[in-house]
Every structure is written in structure tokens, then in C-alpha cells.
Amino acid sequence: MGSDPINTTEETGRQLAAMDGNAVAAIARRLEEDDYANAFAGLQDWHLLRALAIRRPDLVRPYRHLIDQEPFDED
């Protein structure tokens, strides 16, 4: 059985609220250095940084380049 989406959302909210500049810098360093045992761990940090950009943009501003996506043409 899957996890409860409400509890997961609350847990993520608490995690985001607890973040400080040092924690965000550590996430950004891992992303910049691609310092992960597997791709899923990197993806988890990327999603966390994106969520922080929405809820706590002041912490992510120096690392915005890590989450910005370039537009692309599918043709």
C-alpha cells in the first residue's frame, strides 16, 4: 500500500520549513557535483530544491541555475 499523500505533504512542508542556508548549499553542492550513488537520489534533491524555490525562494536564489530548464523544440 502507498504512503498517505496528506502525511507526505505535511512531512515535506516540515522538511522545507526546517531548511537553512547551509542545508540548501549542501543540496546545491551535491547537484553541481552530481554526487549521488544513483539517479533517483539526485532527482529527489532536484525536486526538493524546486519545492524550496516555490516556498522559500530567498534560500534558493543563488542556486536558481540548477533548477531552471531551457526551453526546447520537439520538432
Foldseek 3Di string as FASTA:
>chain_A
DDDDVVVVVVVLVVVLVPDDLVNLVVLLVCLVVVPDPDVVVNVVSLVSLVVCCVVPVVSCVVPVVSNDDDDDDPD
